[in-house]
N, C-alpha and C. Protein backbone atom coordinates (compact mmCIF):
# COMPACT_ATOMS: atom_id res chain seq x y z
N MET A 1 107.94 92.87 137.99
CA MET A 1 107.26 92.06 137.00
C MET A 1 107.26 92.77 135.65
N GLU A 2 107.11 94.07 135.69
CA GLU A 2 107.11 94.88 134.46
C GLU A 2 108.44 94.77 133.73
N THR A 3 109.54 94.78 134.49
CA THR A 3 110.86 94.66 133.88
C THR A 3 111.03 93.31 133.20
N LEU A 4 110.56 92.26 133.84
CA LEU A 4 110.64 90.93 133.24
C LEU A 4 109.85 90.87 131.93
N ARG A 5 108.67 91.47 131.91
CA ARG A 5 107.86 91.51 130.70
C ARG A 5 108.59 92.27 129.58
N HIS A 6 109.27 93.36 129.92
CA HIS A 6 110.03 94.11 128.92
C HIS A 6 111.20 93.29 128.39
N ILE A 7 111.80 92.50 129.23
CA ILE A 7 112.89 91.62 128.78
C ILE A 7 112.36 90.59 127.79
N VAL A 8 111.18 90.04 128.06
CA VAL A 8 110.58 89.07 127.13
C VAL A 8 110.21 89.76 125.81
N VAL A 9 109.75 91.00 125.86
CA VAL A 9 109.48 91.75 124.62
C VAL A 9 110.78 91.92 123.83
N LEU A 10 111.87 92.21 124.50
CA LEU A 10 113.17 92.33 123.84
C LEU A 10 113.56 91.02 123.16
N VAL A 11 113.40 89.92 123.86
CA VAL A 11 113.72 88.61 123.28
C VAL A 11 112.83 88.34 122.07
N HIS A 12 111.56 88.70 122.15
CA HIS A 12 110.63 88.54 121.04
C HIS A 12 111.11 89.36 119.82
N LEU A 13 111.55 90.58 120.05
CA LEU A 13 112.05 91.43 118.98
C LEU A 13 113.34 90.88 118.38
N VAL A 14 114.19 90.30 119.21
CA VAL A 14 115.42 89.68 118.71
C VAL A 14 115.07 88.51 117.80
N GLY A 15 114.08 87.71 118.17
CA GLY A 15 113.64 86.61 117.32
C GLY A 15 113.15 87.11 115.97
N PHE A 16 112.32 88.17 115.98
CA PHE A 16 111.86 88.76 114.73
C PHE A 16 113.04 89.26 113.92
N ALA A 17 113.98 89.94 114.57
CA ALA A 17 115.14 90.49 113.86
C ALA A 17 115.98 89.38 113.22
N LEU A 18 116.14 88.26 113.93
CA LEU A 18 116.87 87.13 113.35
C LEU A 18 116.16 86.58 112.12
N LEU A 19 114.86 86.37 112.24
CA LEU A 19 114.09 85.83 111.12
C LEU A 19 114.11 86.78 109.93
N PHE A 20 113.74 88.02 110.15
CA PHE A 20 113.65 88.96 109.03
C PHE A 20 115.03 89.34 108.51
N GLY A 21 115.99 89.47 109.40
CA GLY A 21 117.35 89.80 108.97
C GLY A 21 117.97 88.71 108.12
N ALA A 22 117.81 87.47 108.53
CA ALA A 22 118.34 86.35 107.74
C ALA A 22 117.64 86.28 106.38
N TRP A 23 116.33 86.52 106.38
CA TRP A 23 115.59 86.54 105.11
C TRP A 23 116.08 87.67 104.22
N ALA A 24 116.28 88.86 104.80
CA ALA A 24 116.72 90.02 104.02
C ALA A 24 118.10 89.80 103.42
N VAL A 25 118.99 89.17 104.16
CA VAL A 25 120.34 88.88 103.63
C VAL A 25 120.23 87.97 102.41
N GLU A 26 119.41 86.95 102.50
CA GLU A 26 119.23 86.04 101.36
C GLU A 26 118.58 86.77 100.19
N ALA A 27 117.63 87.66 100.46
CA ALA A 27 116.95 88.39 99.40
C ALA A 27 117.92 89.35 98.69
N VAL A 28 118.72 90.07 99.45
CA VAL A 28 119.67 91.01 98.85
C VAL A 28 120.70 90.27 98.00
N ASN A 29 121.11 89.10 98.44
CA ASN A 29 122.09 88.30 97.67
C ASN A 29 121.44 87.47 96.57
N ARG A 30 120.12 87.59 96.43
CA ARG A 30 119.35 86.87 95.41
C ARG A 30 119.54 85.36 95.50
N ARG A 31 119.69 84.88 96.71
CA ARG A 31 119.72 83.45 96.98
C ARG A 31 118.40 83.11 97.64
N PHE A 32 117.55 82.43 96.96
CA PHE A 32 116.25 82.08 97.52
C PHE A 32 116.40 80.80 98.32
N GLU A 33 116.95 80.95 99.54
CA GLU A 33 117.22 79.81 100.41
C GLU A 33 116.65 80.06 101.80
N VAL A 34 116.28 78.97 102.45
CA VAL A 34 115.85 79.01 103.84
C VAL A 34 117.05 78.59 104.68
N THR A 35 117.40 79.41 105.67
CA THR A 35 118.57 79.12 106.49
C THR A 35 118.17 78.68 107.90
N ARG A 36 119.12 78.09 108.60
CA ARG A 36 118.88 77.68 109.99
C ARG A 36 118.59 78.90 110.87
N LEU A 37 119.18 80.03 110.55
CA LEU A 37 118.95 81.23 111.34
C LEU A 37 117.49 81.68 111.25
N MET A 38 116.86 81.48 110.10
CA MET A 38 115.44 81.80 109.98
C MET A 38 114.62 80.91 110.91
N HIS A 39 114.96 79.64 110.96
CA HIS A 39 114.25 78.72 111.86
C HIS A 39 114.45 79.11 113.32
N TRP A 40 115.67 79.47 113.68
CA TRP A 40 115.94 79.89 115.06
C TRP A 40 115.19 81.17 115.40
N GLY A 41 115.17 82.11 114.48
CA GLY A 41 114.44 83.36 114.71
C GLY A 41 112.96 83.11 114.92
N LEU A 42 112.38 82.21 114.09
CA LEU A 42 110.97 81.87 114.25
C LEU A 42 110.72 81.22 115.61
N LEU A 43 111.58 80.31 116.00
CA LEU A 43 111.42 79.62 117.28
C LEU A 43 111.49 80.61 118.46
N ILE A 44 112.47 81.49 118.43
CA ILE A 44 112.63 82.46 119.51
C ILE A 44 111.43 83.40 119.57
N ALA A 45 111.01 83.91 118.41
CA ALA A 45 109.86 84.81 118.37
C ALA A 45 108.59 84.11 118.83
N ALA A 46 108.42 82.85 118.45
CA ALA A 46 107.22 82.10 118.82
C ALA A 46 107.16 81.86 120.33
N VAL A 47 108.25 81.38 120.90
CA VAL A 47 108.25 81.09 122.34
C VAL A 47 108.05 82.37 123.14
N ALA A 48 108.76 83.43 122.78
CA ALA A 48 108.61 84.69 123.50
C ALA A 48 107.20 85.26 123.30
N GLY A 49 106.64 85.11 122.11
CA GLY A 49 105.28 85.59 121.85
C GLY A 49 104.25 84.86 122.68
N LEU A 50 104.42 83.55 122.81
CA LEU A 50 103.49 82.78 123.64
C LEU A 50 103.60 83.18 125.11
N VAL A 51 104.82 83.46 125.56
CA VAL A 51 104.99 83.92 126.94
C VAL A 51 104.32 85.28 127.13
N LEU A 52 104.45 86.14 126.12
CA LEU A 52 103.82 87.47 126.21
C LEU A 52 102.30 87.40 126.16
N ALA A 53 101.76 86.35 125.55
CA ALA A 53 100.30 86.21 125.46
C ALA A 53 99.66 85.82 126.79
N ALA A 54 100.47 85.41 127.73
CA ALA A 54 99.94 85.08 129.07
C ALA A 54 99.69 86.38 129.83
N PRO A 55 98.57 86.49 130.50
CA PRO A 55 98.23 87.76 131.19
C PRO A 55 98.92 87.87 132.56
N TRP A 56 100.24 87.97 132.57
CA TRP A 56 100.97 88.12 133.82
C TRP A 56 101.64 89.49 133.87
N GLY A 57 101.54 90.12 134.99
CA GLY A 57 102.22 91.38 135.23
C GLY A 57 101.65 92.59 134.50
N ILE A 58 100.37 92.54 134.11
CA ILE A 58 99.77 93.68 133.42
C ILE A 58 98.45 94.04 134.08
N GLU A 59 98.06 95.29 133.93
CA GLU A 59 96.79 95.75 134.50
C GLU A 59 95.74 95.99 133.44
N TYR A 60 96.00 95.63 132.21
CA TYR A 60 95.04 95.85 131.12
C TYR A 60 94.68 94.51 130.49
N ASP A 61 93.59 94.51 129.72
CA ASP A 61 93.16 93.29 129.05
C ASP A 61 93.93 93.10 127.76
N LEU A 62 94.28 91.86 127.47
CA LEU A 62 94.97 91.54 126.23
C LEU A 62 93.99 91.51 125.06
N ASN A 63 94.45 91.85 123.89
CA ASN A 63 93.65 91.82 122.68
C ASN A 63 93.79 90.42 122.06
N TYR A 64 92.87 89.52 122.42
CA TYR A 64 93.00 88.13 122.00
C TYR A 64 92.74 87.94 120.51
N ALA A 65 91.97 88.82 119.89
CA ALA A 65 91.78 88.75 118.44
C ALA A 65 93.11 89.01 117.73
N LYS A 66 93.81 90.04 118.17
CA LYS A 66 95.12 90.37 117.60
C LYS A 66 96.11 89.23 117.83
N LEU A 67 96.13 88.69 119.03
CA LEU A 67 97.04 87.59 119.33
C LEU A 67 96.73 86.36 118.48
N GLY A 68 95.44 86.11 118.26
CA GLY A 68 95.05 84.98 117.43
C GLY A 68 95.49 85.14 115.98
N VAL A 69 95.33 86.35 115.44
CA VAL A 69 95.76 86.62 114.07
C VAL A 69 97.28 86.48 113.96
N LYS A 70 98.00 87.03 114.94
CA LYS A 70 99.46 86.91 114.92
C LYS A 70 99.91 85.45 115.01
N LEU A 71 99.19 84.65 115.80
CA LEU A 71 99.54 83.23 115.90
C LEU A 71 99.30 82.50 114.58
N VAL A 72 98.20 82.82 113.91
CA VAL A 72 97.91 82.20 112.61
C VAL A 72 98.99 82.57 111.60
N VAL A 73 99.39 83.84 111.58
CA VAL A 73 100.45 84.26 110.65
C VAL A 73 101.76 83.56 111.01
N LEU A 74 102.06 83.43 112.30
CA LEU A 74 103.27 82.74 112.74
C LEU A 74 103.27 81.28 112.29
N VAL A 75 102.15 80.61 112.42
CA VAL A 75 102.05 79.22 111.98
C VAL A 75 102.23 79.13 110.46
N ALA A 76 101.68 80.10 109.73
CA ALA A 76 101.84 80.13 108.27
C ALA A 76 103.32 80.32 107.89
N ILE A 77 104.01 81.19 108.60
CA ILE A 77 105.44 81.39 108.35
C ILE A 77 106.19 80.09 108.63
N GLY A 78 105.87 79.44 109.74
CA GLY A 78 106.51 78.17 110.06
C GLY A 78 106.27 77.11 109.00
N ALA A 79 105.04 77.06 108.49
CA ALA A 79 104.72 76.09 107.44
C ALA A 79 105.52 76.41 106.17
N LEU A 80 105.59 77.68 105.81
CA LEU A 80 106.36 78.05 104.62
C LEU A 80 107.84 77.76 104.79
N LEU A 81 108.37 77.99 105.99
CA LEU A 81 109.77 77.65 106.24
C LEU A 81 110.00 76.15 106.11
N GLY A 82 109.08 75.37 106.66
CA GLY A 82 109.21 73.91 106.56
C GLY A 82 109.11 73.42 105.12
N ILE A 83 108.13 73.93 104.38
CA ILE A 83 107.98 73.55 102.98
C ILE A 83 109.20 74.00 102.18
N GLY A 84 109.65 75.22 102.44
CA GLY A 84 110.82 75.74 101.73
C GLY A 84 112.07 74.93 102.00
N ALA A 85 112.27 74.53 103.25
CA ALA A 85 113.44 73.73 103.59
C ALA A 85 113.39 72.36 102.92
N ALA A 86 112.20 71.77 102.86
CA ALA A 86 112.05 70.46 102.21
C ALA A 86 112.32 70.57 100.70
N ARG A 87 111.77 71.59 100.09
CA ARG A 87 112.01 71.78 98.65
C ARG A 87 113.47 72.13 98.37
N GLN A 88 114.08 72.84 99.28
CA GLN A 88 115.49 73.19 99.12
C GLN A 88 116.36 71.94 99.18
N ARG A 89 116.05 71.03 100.08
CA ARG A 89 116.80 69.77 100.16
C ARG A 89 116.61 68.94 98.89
N ARG A 90 115.39 68.96 98.35
CA ARG A 90 115.08 68.15 97.18
C ARG A 90 115.60 68.78 95.88
N ASN A 91 115.37 70.10 95.70
CA ASN A 91 115.69 70.76 94.43
C ASN A 91 116.92 71.66 94.48
N GLY A 92 117.38 71.99 95.65
CA GLY A 92 118.54 72.88 95.77
C GLY A 92 118.18 74.35 95.98
N SER A 93 116.91 74.71 95.78
CA SER A 93 116.50 76.10 96.02
C SER A 93 115.01 76.14 96.39
N VAL A 94 114.61 77.28 96.87
CA VAL A 94 113.22 77.51 97.27
C VAL A 94 112.53 78.28 96.13
N PRO A 95 111.31 77.93 95.78
CA PRO A 95 110.60 78.71 94.76
C PRO A 95 110.50 80.18 95.18
N PRO A 96 110.74 81.10 94.25
CA PRO A 96 110.73 82.53 94.61
C PRO A 96 109.43 83.00 95.28
N ALA A 97 108.29 82.52 94.82
CA ALA A 97 107.02 82.95 95.42
C ALA A 97 106.95 82.54 96.89
N LEU A 98 107.42 81.36 97.20
CA LEU A 98 107.42 80.88 98.58
C LEU A 98 108.41 81.70 99.42
N PHE A 99 109.58 81.96 98.86
CA PHE A 99 110.59 82.74 99.57
C PHE A 99 110.08 84.14 99.88
N TRP A 100 109.47 84.82 98.90
CA TRP A 100 108.98 86.18 99.12
C TRP A 100 107.80 86.19 100.08
N SER A 101 107.02 85.12 100.09
CA SER A 101 105.90 85.02 101.03
C SER A 101 106.39 84.99 102.47
N ILE A 102 107.50 84.32 102.71
CA ILE A 102 108.07 84.27 104.06
C ILE A 102 108.39 85.69 104.55
N GLY A 103 109.05 86.47 103.72
CA GLY A 103 109.40 87.84 104.10
C GLY A 103 108.17 88.72 104.27
N ALA A 104 107.21 88.57 103.36
CA ALA A 104 106.00 89.40 103.44
C ALA A 104 105.20 89.08 104.70
N LEU A 105 105.05 87.81 105.02
CA LEU A 105 104.29 87.44 106.22
C LEU A 105 105.03 87.85 107.50
N THR A 106 106.34 87.78 107.49
CA THR A 106 107.12 88.22 108.65
C THR A 106 106.92 89.71 108.87
N LEU A 107 106.98 90.48 107.80
CA LEU A 107 106.75 91.92 107.90
C LEU A 107 105.31 92.22 108.30
N LEU A 108 104.37 91.45 107.77
CA LEU A 108 102.96 91.62 108.15
C LEU A 108 102.77 91.39 109.65
N ASN A 109 103.41 90.37 110.18
CA ASN A 109 103.28 90.07 111.62
C ASN A 109 103.81 91.22 112.47
N ALA A 110 104.92 91.81 112.05
CA ALA A 110 105.45 92.96 112.79
C ALA A 110 104.51 94.16 112.65
N GLY A 111 103.95 94.33 111.47
CA GLY A 111 103.01 95.43 111.25
C GLY A 111 101.76 95.29 112.10
N ILE A 112 101.25 94.08 112.20
CA ILE A 112 100.09 93.83 113.06
C ILE A 112 100.40 94.20 114.51
N ALA A 113 101.58 93.83 114.95
CA ALA A 113 101.96 94.13 116.34
C ALA A 113 102.02 95.63 116.60
N LEU A 114 102.48 96.38 115.63
CA LEU A 114 102.66 97.82 115.85
C LEU A 114 101.41 98.64 115.55
N ILE A 115 100.66 98.26 114.52
CA ILE A 115 99.56 99.10 114.06
C ILE A 115 98.24 98.78 114.76
N TRP A 116 97.97 97.50 114.96
CA TRP A 116 96.71 97.08 115.57
C TRP A 116 96.78 97.33 117.07
N ARG A 117 95.97 98.21 117.57
CA ARG A 117 95.96 98.52 119.00
C ARG A 117 94.75 97.96 119.60
């Protein structure tokens, strides 16, 4: 059971890497755009995160406050991706403040996972 949980953690990290990596590529190229890869990364990270939030195969108590904060940040990232994609379709680009917020919240979510014990 422990091995399966570690595999789900790996999938969760891959989702984060897809989301943040796709965002970083756009940031480095100074294209303030929301890509399909960002949406896929968010979806993978969200599904794997929800699976990890279930108390299966562990002998310790989960930190539900931390999980709740991470879920709120995840929903905020999803909302910003949705708003950014809609504005991109309408105007051709995403406002820079919205684009940078996506990256900052993604990094914040990873920081919460690592720092908050």
